[in-house]
């Protein structure tokens, strides 16, 4: 594109030079009776002025006017009239240009009558003189005015579209900020209040405990509650902040899967990993989705089947990655923890974004299975 922009003025100058020279040889106009060096110099001057016409159009118009009167060299006037139409904006300037065109026309008619012969027939008769003036000056000027008007309309439409887009982005950002502030208020009023009460009761229990074990348990509950309040404060700060958020930490992949399994083992869930096929690096989106599948499945085991033995199968297949998390029936333990009900739904959306499938449901024998099939090519 840049090369074309640089070559266009050069090509225009060469074209004006060649056509101008042809217009004085009889092929594209009237044969000039003047010595050949004069048409050659005029055509060269017109070509040079056409090469610089984007910076200034009036030198080409002046050369074209003189060359038209003396040599009936019409190409410089055509190009100059077009560029005049694209540059002139005031009605007075357009009227002055048309007045100058009338002067050139009258001078050309006079020169044609003096020269006589074919020159008089082409430029001095009323019909031919009017036709030449319209073709060389009026029509290119009108076309240039239309091009300028079209450019102005497109520029105004583009500016209006940019302004509307900016306003839309501003309104969306304002609505997003208001929603984040509302969520922050709700979290502070509900969650922070409940956790603060939990910490206070844990502290009171620690002071009033009659044995050391109860006091340690109360202290642990209070510490967990204080940590939760600190994390909640950070989350509320992010929600209330209108500045650019800090860069996020690197997203986990299959390389972090063992660390996730170790955390579950530390909480009393026997987890066994089984790799099938030849392990190989995959796209980050595939590995990240597979990690989230295992994470959500283990979270459900913690909530609903605490202590149940769990198997994690990772199948490296030629066209897809299949992840299976199967847990056995829950053993006797604490009551299941409440959940939001959106974990598996969000997980299904994440897998389907990669054109994959997610199947969940009870297993034979009372356990539960989560199976995700993620295609590699579609990802």
Protein backbone atom coordinates (compact mmCIF):
# COMPACT_ATOMS: atom_id res chain seq x y z
CA UNK A 1 0.00 0.00 0.00
CA UNK A 2 2.80 2.40 0.85
CA UNK A 3 4.62 1.57 -2.41
CA UNK A 4 1.43 2.28 -4.39
CA UNK A 5 1.01 5.66 -2.73
CA UNK A 6 4.56 6.59 -3.60
CA UNK A 7 4.24 5.42 -7.21
CA UNK A 8 0.87 7.03 -7.96
CA UNK A 9 2.23 10.61 -8.44
CA UNK A 10 5.02 9.30 -10.66
CA UNK A 11 2.60 7.30 -12.79
CA UNK A 12 0.27 10.30 -13.04
CA UNK A 13 3.15 12.53 -14.19
CA UNK A 14 4.25 10.00 -16.82
CA UNK A 15 0.67 9.58 -18.08
CA UNK A 16 0.10 13.35 -18.36
CA UNK A 17 3.41 13.75 -20.21
CA UNK A 18 2.65 10.96 -22.69
CA UNK A 19 -0.98 11.96 -23.38
CA UNK A 20 -0.05 15.64 -23.61
CA UNK A 21 2.61 14.85 -26.16
CA UNK A 22 0.13 12.70 -28.08
CA UNK A 23 -2.47 15.49 -28.10
CA UNK A 24 -0.14 17.70 -30.17
CA UNK A 25 0.80 14.99 -32.66
CA UNK A 26 -2.66 14.60 -34.17
CA UNK A 27 -3.51 11.22 -32.65
CA UNK A 28 -5.33 12.66 -29.61
CA UNK A 29 -5.89 16.22 -30.72
CA UNK A 30 -4.84 18.87 -33.21
CA UNK A 31 -1.46 18.71 -34.90
CA UNK A 32 0.76 21.55 -33.72
CA UNK A 33 2.53 23.55 -36.40
CA UNK A 34 5.18 24.73 -33.93
CA UNK A 35 8.67 23.21 -33.74
CA UNK A 36 8.72 19.83 -31.92
CA UNK A 37 10.91 20.98 -28.96
CA UNK A 38 8.15 23.38 -27.83
CA UNK A 39 5.42 20.67 -27.42
CA UNK A 40 8.03 18.41 -25.82
CA UNK A 41 8.97 21.08 -23.25
CA UNK A 42 5.29 21.86 -22.58
CA UNK A 43 4.46 18.19 -22.10
CA UNK A 44 7.45 17.75 -19.77
CA UNK A 45 6.42 20.77 -17.69
CA UNK A 46 2.84 19.42 -17.49
CA UNK A 47 4.12 16.00 -16.39
CA UNK A 48 6.30 17.52 -13.68
CA UNK A 49 3.42 19.69 -12.42
CA UNK A 50 1.09 16.64 -12.41
CA UNK A 51 3.68 14.76 -10.33
CA UNK A 52 3.43 17.53 -7.69
CA UNK A 53 -0.31 18.16 -8.05
CA UNK A 54 -1.17 16.66 -4.65
CA UNK A 55 0.84 19.37 -2.93
CA UNK A 56 -0.29 22.24 -5.18
CA UNK A 57 -2.67 22.11 -8.11
CA UNK A 58 -2.45 25.66 -9.44
CA UNK A 59 0.95 25.29 -11.26
CA UNK A 60 -0.59 22.50 -13.35
CA UNK A 61 -3.65 24.70 -14.00
CA UNK A 62 -1.43 27.61 -15.15
CA UNK A 63 0.66 25.36 -17.43
CA UNK A 64 -2.52 23.73 -18.73
CA UNK A 65 -4.14 27.09 -19.55
CA UNK A 66 -1.12 28.32 -21.53
CA UNK A 67 -0.60 24.96 -23.27
CA UNK A 68 -4.29 24.78 -24.22
CA UNK A 69 -4.30 28.26 -25.76
CA UNK A 70 -1.02 27.81 -27.63
CA UNK A 71 -0.95 24.08 -28.46
CA UNK A 72 -4.51 22.83 -27.73
CA UNK A 73 -2.86 20.55 -25.13
CA UNK A 74 -5.90 19.48 -23.09
CA UNK A 75 -4.65 16.74 -20.60
CA UNK A 76 -3.10 19.18 -18.06
CA UNK A 77 -6.37 21.11 -17.86
CA UNK A 78 -8.38 17.92 -17.25
CA UNK A 79 -6.19 16.84 -14.30
CA UNK A 80 -5.96 20.38 -12.91
CA UNK A 81 -9.75 20.88 -13.08
CA UNK A 82 -10.36 17.62 -11.23
CA UNK A 83 -7.95 18.53 -8.42
CA UNK A 84 -9.41 22.04 -8.27
CA UNK A 85 -12.80 20.47 -7.64
CA UNK A 86 -11.41 18.34 -4.79
CA UNK A 87 -9.67 21.33 -3.17
CA UNK A 88 -11.98 24.31 -3.67
CA UNK A 89 -14.61 24.69 -0.95
CA UNK A 90 -15.90 28.23 -1.12
CA UNK A 91 -18.43 29.22 -3.77
CA UNK A 92 -16.40 32.32 -4.57
CA UNK A 93 -13.31 30.26 -5.38
CA UNK A 94 -15.29 27.93 -7.67
CA UNK A 95 -16.80 30.96 -9.45
CA UNK A 96 -13.32 32.45 -9.95
CA UNK A 97 -12.09 29.19 -11.44
CA UNK A 98 -15.03 29.06 -13.85
CA UNK A 99 -14.32 32.68 -14.80
CA UNK A 100 -10.71 31.79 -15.54
CA UNK A 101 -11.95 28.86 -17.65
CA UNK A 102 -14.08 31.28 -19.70
CA UNK A 103 -11.00 33.48 -20.27
CA UNK A 104 -9.00 30.44 -21.43
CA UNK A 105 -11.86 29.44 -23.74
CA UNK A 106 -12.05 32.93 -25.33
CA UNK A 107 -8.27 33.05 -25.77
CA UNK A 108 -8.30 29.59 -27.37
CA UNK A 109 -11.04 30.66 -29.80
CA UNK A 110 -9.02 33.74 -30.74
CA UNK A 111 -5.85 31.69 -31.23
CA UNK A 112 -7.78 29.20 -33.39
CA UNK A 113 -9.11 31.91 -35.69
CA UNK A 114 -5.63 33.34 -36.07
CA UNK A 115 -4.11 29.91 -36.86
CA UNK A 116 -6.90 28.85 -39.21
CA UNK A 117 -7.20 25.42 -40.80
CA UNK A 118 -7.89 22.39 -38.63
CA UNK A 119 -7.08 24.39 -35.51
CA UNK A 120 -9.86 26.87 -36.25
CA UNK A 121 -12.30 24.07 -37.00
CA UNK A 122 -11.51 22.26 -33.70
CA UNK A 123 -11.39 25.22 -31.30
CA UNK A 124 -12.98 28.29 -32.89
CA UNK A 125 -16.37 27.03 -34.03
CA UNK A 126 -19.02 27.53 -31.31
CA UNK A 127 -20.04 23.87 -30.98
CA UNK A 128 -16.49 22.49 -30.86
CA UNK A 129 -15.25 25.25 -28.55
CA UNK A 130 -18.09 24.58 -26.12
CA UNK A 131 -17.54 20.83 -26.31
CA UNK A 132 -13.80 21.19 -25.63
CA UNK A 133 -14.43 23.53 -22.69
CA UNK A 134 -16.98 21.21 -21.11
CA UNK A 135 -14.84 18.10 -21.62
CA UNK A 136 -11.52 19.62 -20.50
CA UNK A 137 -12.64 21.94 -17.69
CA UNK A 138 -16.28 21.76 -16.58
CA UNK A 139 -16.85 18.01 -16.33
CA UNK A 140 -13.55 17.28 -14.47
CA UNK A 141 -14.36 20.17 -12.09
CA UNK A 142 -17.86 18.81 -11.38
CA UNK A 143 -16.49 15.30 -10.88
CA UNK A 144 -13.88 16.63 -8.45
CA UNK A 145 -16.58 18.51 -6.51
CA UNK A 146 -18.62 15.28 -6.27
CA UNK A 147 -15.59 13.32 -5.03
CA UNK A 148 -14.86 15.98 -2.40
CA UNK A 149 -18.49 15.99 -1.23
CA UNK A 150 -18.49 12.19 -1.02
CA UNK A 151 -15.28 12.23 1.00
CA UNK A 152 -16.77 14.81 3.37
CA UNK A 153 -19.88 12.68 3.86
CA UNK A 154 -17.82 9.56 4.55
CA UNK A 155 -15.56 11.45 6.96
CA UNK A 156 -18.59 12.83 8.81
CA UNK A 157 -20.17 9.37 8.98
CA UNK A 158 -16.90 7.86 10.24
CA UNK A 159 -16.56 10.59 12.86
CA UNK A 160 -20.16 10.05 13.98
CA UNK A 161 -19.61 6.29 14.19
CA UNK A 162 -16.45 6.78 16.23
CA UNK A 163 -18.26 9.17 18.55
CA UNK A 164 -21.18 6.77 19.01
CA UNK A 165 -18.78 3.92 19.67
CA UNK A 166 -16.92 5.98 22.27
CA UNK A 167 -20.20 6.91 23.94
CA UNK A 168 -21.31 3.28 23.92
CA UNK A 169 -18.05 2.16 25.50
CA UNK A 170 -18.37 4.92 28.09
CA UNK A 171 -21.94 3.91 28.95
CA UNK A 172 -20.96 0.25 29.17
CA UNK A 173 -18.03 1.08 31.43
CA UNK A 174 -20.28 3.21 33.64
CA UNK A 175 -22.86 0.42 33.89
CA UNK A 176 -20.10 -2.08 34.64
CA UNK A 177 -18.69 0.13 37.39
CA UNK A 178 -22.14 0.58 38.94
CA UNK A 179 -22.79 -3.16 38.87
CA UNK A 180 -19.40 -3.90 40.42
CA UNK A 181 -20.08 -1.35 43.17
CA UNK A 182 -23.49 -2.95 43.82
CA UNK A 183 -21.93 -6.42 44.05
CA UNK A 184 -19.26 -5.09 46.39
CA UNK A 185 -21.90 -3.56 48.66
CA UNK A 186 -23.89 -6.81 48.75
CA UNK A 187 -20.79 -8.87 49.53
CA UNK A 188 -19.77 -6.46 52.27
CA UNK A 189 -23.23 -6.29 53.82
CA UNK A 190 -23.92 -10.04 53.74
CA UNK A 191 -20.74 -12.10 53.53
CA UNK A 192 -18.42 -9.85 55.51
CA UNK A 193 -21.01 -9.46 58.24
CA UNK A 194 -21.50 -13.23 58.61
CA UNK A 195 -17.78 -14.01 58.58
CA UNK A 196 -17.11 -11.27 61.14
CA UNK A 197 -19.72 -12.83 63.47
CA UNK A 198 -18.07 -16.22 62.97
CA UNK A 199 -14.66 -14.79 63.95
CA UNK A 200 -16.11 -13.07 67.01
CA UNK A 201 -17.85 -16.25 68.20
CA UNK A 202 -14.68 -18.26 67.59
CA UNK A 203 -12.73 -15.78 69.70
CA UNK A 204 -15.27 -15.96 72.50
CA UNK A 205 -15.21 -19.76 72.34
CA UNK A 206 -11.40 -19.75 72.54
CA UNK A 207 -11.47 -17.65 75.71
CA UNK A 208 -14.24 -19.67 77.36
CA UNK A 209 -13.01 -23.12 76.31
CA UNK A 210 -12.55 -25.55 79.14
CA UNK A 211 -9.95 -27.74 77.42
CA UNK A 212 -6.94 -27.11 75.18
CA UNK A 213 -8.29 -29.02 72.17
CA UNK A 214 -11.43 -26.91 71.99
CA UNK A 215 -9.36 -23.73 72.35
CA UNK A 216 -7.07 -24.80 69.48
CA UNK A 217 -10.04 -25.60 67.26
CA UNK A 218 -11.62 -22.23 68.05
CA UNK A 219 -8.31 -20.47 67.33
CA UNK A 220 -8.03 -22.28 63.98
CA UNK A 221 -11.58 -21.27 63.06
CA UNK A 222 -10.84 -17.68 64.00
CA UNK A 223 -7.64 -17.69 61.93
CA UNK A 224 -9.45 -19.09 58.91
CA UNK A 225 -12.17 -16.48 59.32
CA UNK A 226 -9.63 -13.64 59.55
CA UNK A 227 -7.89 -14.93 56.41
CA UNK A 228 -11.26 -15.08 54.65
CA UNK A 229 -11.97 -11.48 55.69
CA UNK A 230 -8.57 -10.40 54.32
CA UNK A 231 -9.24 -12.16 51.01
CA UNK A 232 -12.72 -10.68 50.90
CA UNK A 233 -11.26 -7.21 51.46
CA UNK A 234 -8.94 -7.72 48.48
CA UNK A 235 -11.84 -8.84 46.29
CA UNK A 236 -13.94 -5.84 47.33
CA UNK A 237 -10.99 -3.56 46.56
CA UNK A 238 -10.78 -5.00 43.05
CA UNK A 239 -14.53 -4.60 42.53
CA UNK A 240 -14.54 -1.01 43.72
CA UNK A 241 -11.38 -0.02 41.84
CA UNK A 242 -11.87 1.93 38.61
CA UNK A 243 -8.23 1.73 37.61
CA UNK A 244 -6.67 -0.80 35.27
CA UNK A 245 -6.48 -4.13 37.13
CA UNK A 246 -3.11 -5.65 37.86
CA UNK A 247 -1.88 -8.40 35.52
CA UNK A 248 -3.35 -11.78 36.35
CA UNK A 249 -1.19 -14.66 37.49
CA UNK A 250 -0.37 -17.33 34.91
CA UNK A 251 -3.28 -19.70 34.38
CA UNK A 252 -2.76 -23.33 35.51
CA UNK A 253 -2.18 -26.12 33.00
CA UNK A 254 -1.72 -29.88 33.17
CA UNK A 255 1.75 -29.29 34.58
CA UNK A 256 0.05 -28.01 37.76
CA UNK A 257 -2.29 -30.98 38.05
CA UNK A 258 -0.14 -32.93 40.54
CA UNK A 259 -0.07 -29.96 42.91
CA UNK A 260 -3.88 -29.80 42.76
CA UNK A 261 -4.12 -33.51 43.55
CA UNK A 262 -1.70 -33.14 46.47
CA UNK A 263 -3.95 -30.48 47.99
CA UNK A 264 -6.90 -32.87 47.89
CA UNK A 265 -4.81 -35.67 49.39
CA UNK A 266 -3.81 -33.35 52.24
CA UNK A 267 -7.51 -32.87 53.00
CA UNK A 268 -8.06 -36.60 53.37
CA UNK A 269 -9.22 -37.65 49.90
CA UNK A 270 -7.21 -40.51 48.35
CA UNK A 271 -6.67 -39.40 44.75
CA UNK A 272 -4.90 -41.51 42.12
CA UNK A 273 -3.80 -40.18 38.76
CA UNK A 274 -3.73 -42.37 35.63
CA UNK A 275 -2.17 -41.15 32.37
CA UNK A 276 -3.09 -42.99 29.16
CA UNK A 277 -1.27 -42.52 25.90
CA UNK A 278 1.86 -40.50 25.19
CA UNK A 279 1.86 -37.23 27.21
CA UNK A 280 2.68 -34.24 25.03
CA UNK A 281 2.32 -30.46 25.24
CA UNK A 282 -1.05 -29.21 24.03
CA UNK A 283 -2.60 -25.83 23.39
CA UNK A 284 -2.85 -23.70 26.50
CA UNK A 285 -6.64 -23.44 26.19
CA UNK A 286 -6.98 -27.23 26.11
CA UNK A 287 -4.71 -27.79 29.11
CA UNK A 288 -6.32 -25.00 31.10
CA UNK A 289 -9.81 -26.38 30.45
CA UNK A 290 -8.70 -29.89 31.44
CA UNK A 291 -7.26 -28.50 34.69
CA UNK A 292 -10.53 -26.73 35.49
CA UNK A 293 -12.47 -29.95 34.86
CA UNK A 294 -10.38 -31.82 37.43
CA UNK A 295 -10.53 -28.89 39.86
CA UNK A 296 -14.32 -28.61 39.75
CA UNK A 297 -14.77 -32.38 39.99
CA UNK A 298 -12.54 -32.58 43.07
CA UNK A 299 -14.38 -29.62 44.60
CA UNK A 300 -17.64 -31.55 44.24
CA UNK A 301 -16.02 -34.58 45.88
CA UNK A 302 -15.02 -32.40 48.85
CA UNK A 303 -18.54 -31.00 49.10
CA UNK A 304 -20.66 -34.08 48.58
CA UNK A 305 -18.45 -37.15 49.06
CA UNK A 306 -15.76 -36.20 51.57
CA UNK A 307 -13.16 -38.93 51.96
CA UNK A 308 -14.27 -40.93 48.91
CA UNK A 309 -11.48 -42.53 46.88
CA UNK A 310 -11.14 -40.77 43.54
CA UNK A 311 -9.44 -41.68 40.25
CA UNK A 312 -8.30 -39.08 37.70
CA UNK A 313 -7.76 -40.42 34.18
CA UNK A 314 -6.04 -38.30 31.51
CA UNK A 315 -6.26 -39.83 28.01
CA UNK A 316 -3.91 -38.36 25.39
CA UNK A 317 -5.71 -39.43 22.21
CA UNK A 318 -4.72 -38.57 18.61
CA UNK A 319 -7.58 -36.13 18.03
CA UNK A 320 -8.75 -35.18 21.51
CA UNK A 321 -7.92 -34.99 25.20
CA UNK A 322 -10.31 -36.93 27.46
CA UNK A 323 -10.37 -36.28 31.19
CA UNK A 324 -12.29 -38.53 33.57
CA UNK A 325 -12.76 -37.97 37.31
CA UNK A 326 -14.59 -40.81 39.05
CA UNK A 327 -15.18 -41.08 42.79
CA UNK A 328 -16.48 -44.03 44.76
CA UNK A 329 -19.47 -43.77 47.13
CA UNK A 330 -19.02 -41.40 50.05
CA UNK A 331 -18.14 -42.81 53.44
CA UNK A 332 -19.83 -41.67 56.61
CA UNK A 333 -18.78 -38.14 57.44
CA UNK A 334 -19.99 -34.56 57.88
CA UNK A 335 -23.05 -33.31 56.10
CA UNK A 336 -22.50 -32.16 52.49
CA UNK A 337 -21.54 -28.52 52.07
CA UNK A 338 -23.96 -26.21 50.27
CA UNK A 339 -23.06 -25.28 46.71
CA UNK A 340 -24.15 -22.62 44.24
CA UNK A 341 -25.36 -25.15 41.69
CA UNK A 342 -23.50 -23.35 38.89
CA UNK A 343 -20.16 -25.14 39.01
CA UNK A 344 -20.89 -27.90 36.50
CA UNK A 345 -22.98 -25.55 34.33
CA UNK A 346 -20.09 -23.13 34.01
CA UNK A 347 -17.72 -26.03 33.40
CA UNK A 348 -19.94 -27.30 30.59
CA UNK A 349 -19.88 -23.87 28.94
CA UNK A 350 -16.09 -23.76 29.20
CA UNK A 351 -15.75 -27.17 27.51
CA UNK A 352 -18.32 -26.41 24.81
CA UNK A 353 -16.45 -23.23 23.89
CA UNK A 354 -13.76 -25.57 22.57
CA UNK A 355 -16.36 -27.67 20.72
CA UNK A 356 -16.02 -30.37 23.39
CA UNK A 357 -18.55 -32.36 25.38
CA UNK A 358 -19.02 -32.83 29.12
CA UNK A 359 -20.91 -35.74 30.69
CA UNK A 360 -21.71 -35.93 34.38
CA UNK A 361 -23.81 -38.31 36.41
CA UNK A 362 -23.95 -41.15 38.92
CA UNK A 363 -21.76 -44.19 38.35
CA UNK A 364 -22.66 -47.83 38.79
CA UNK A 365 -22.15 -48.70 42.43
CA UNK A 366 -23.06 -45.30 43.86
CA UNK A 367 -20.16 -43.11 42.78
CA UNK A 368 -20.12 -40.06 40.51
CA UNK A 369 -18.29 -39.38 37.26
CA UNK A 370 -17.24 -36.28 35.33
CA UNK A 371 -16.03 -36.96 31.76
CA UNK A 372 -14.80 -34.21 29.41
CA UNK A 373 -13.80 -34.77 25.78
CA UNK A 374 -11.89 -31.81 24.29
CA UNK A 375 -10.97 -31.90 20.58
CA UNK A 376 -7.48 -30.69 19.76
CA UNK A 377 -8.01 -29.33 16.27
CA UNK A 378 -11.12 -27.28 17.07
CA UNK A 379 -9.30 -25.65 19.96
